[in-house]
Amino acid sequence: MAERQIPEINAGSMADIAFLLLVFFLVTTTIQTDSGLQVTLPQWVDEPVDPQDKNSRNVLEVVINGANQLAVEGEPGFPVESLKEKAIRFITNNGSDPSMSDNPRAAVISLQNDDGTDYTTYLGVYNELEAAYNAIWESEAQRRFGRPYKTLEKEDRMAIREDYPKFLSEAEPTRFD
């Protein structure tokens, strides 16, 4: 009886095709990365730091409650869209309005939020405060050097940041009732 031959499938090029598909997907795939917030935290110290007494005039209190409502200087229902302008006026006041900061170097923005605050609301408020500082630095760069802030030399940028330092204080989230 003759042996029955089993036909073979030519699989010699399967490895090449699999390798080409792997390369194709590696090249064409984009990997999402979380960019998050870029925040420079102060250096850790082992000893407790004594709280500094700040003139209340130099502190702008921004509070977000659990219902995602903004209060600035105790004024509830403050619109987020107006926060940037309020922060700019507060920081650059230079003592002209007695209810606002007397010096940009002493101006502190205190941001407090509730445990139930949405992350989107928090980011919106944080973004407005960052935009206020960026607008101040840009304006100062144009006034002093006639150039955009990002095109300045490092020393020039540091001089502007020294005159208008960013003091954004964030407290631990608490429960506001």
Foldseek 3Di string as FASTA:
>chain_A
DDDDDDDDDPCPCVVVVVVVVVVVCVVPDDDDDDPDDDDDDDDDDPDDDDDDDADPQQEWEWEQALVRWIAIPNRTNDDLVCLLVVLLCQLPVCCPDSSGDVALQRHAYEYEYAPNHDPVSVVSNVVSLVVSLLVQLQVVCCVPPVDGLVPDDPVVSVVSCNRRPHHYHYDDHHHDD
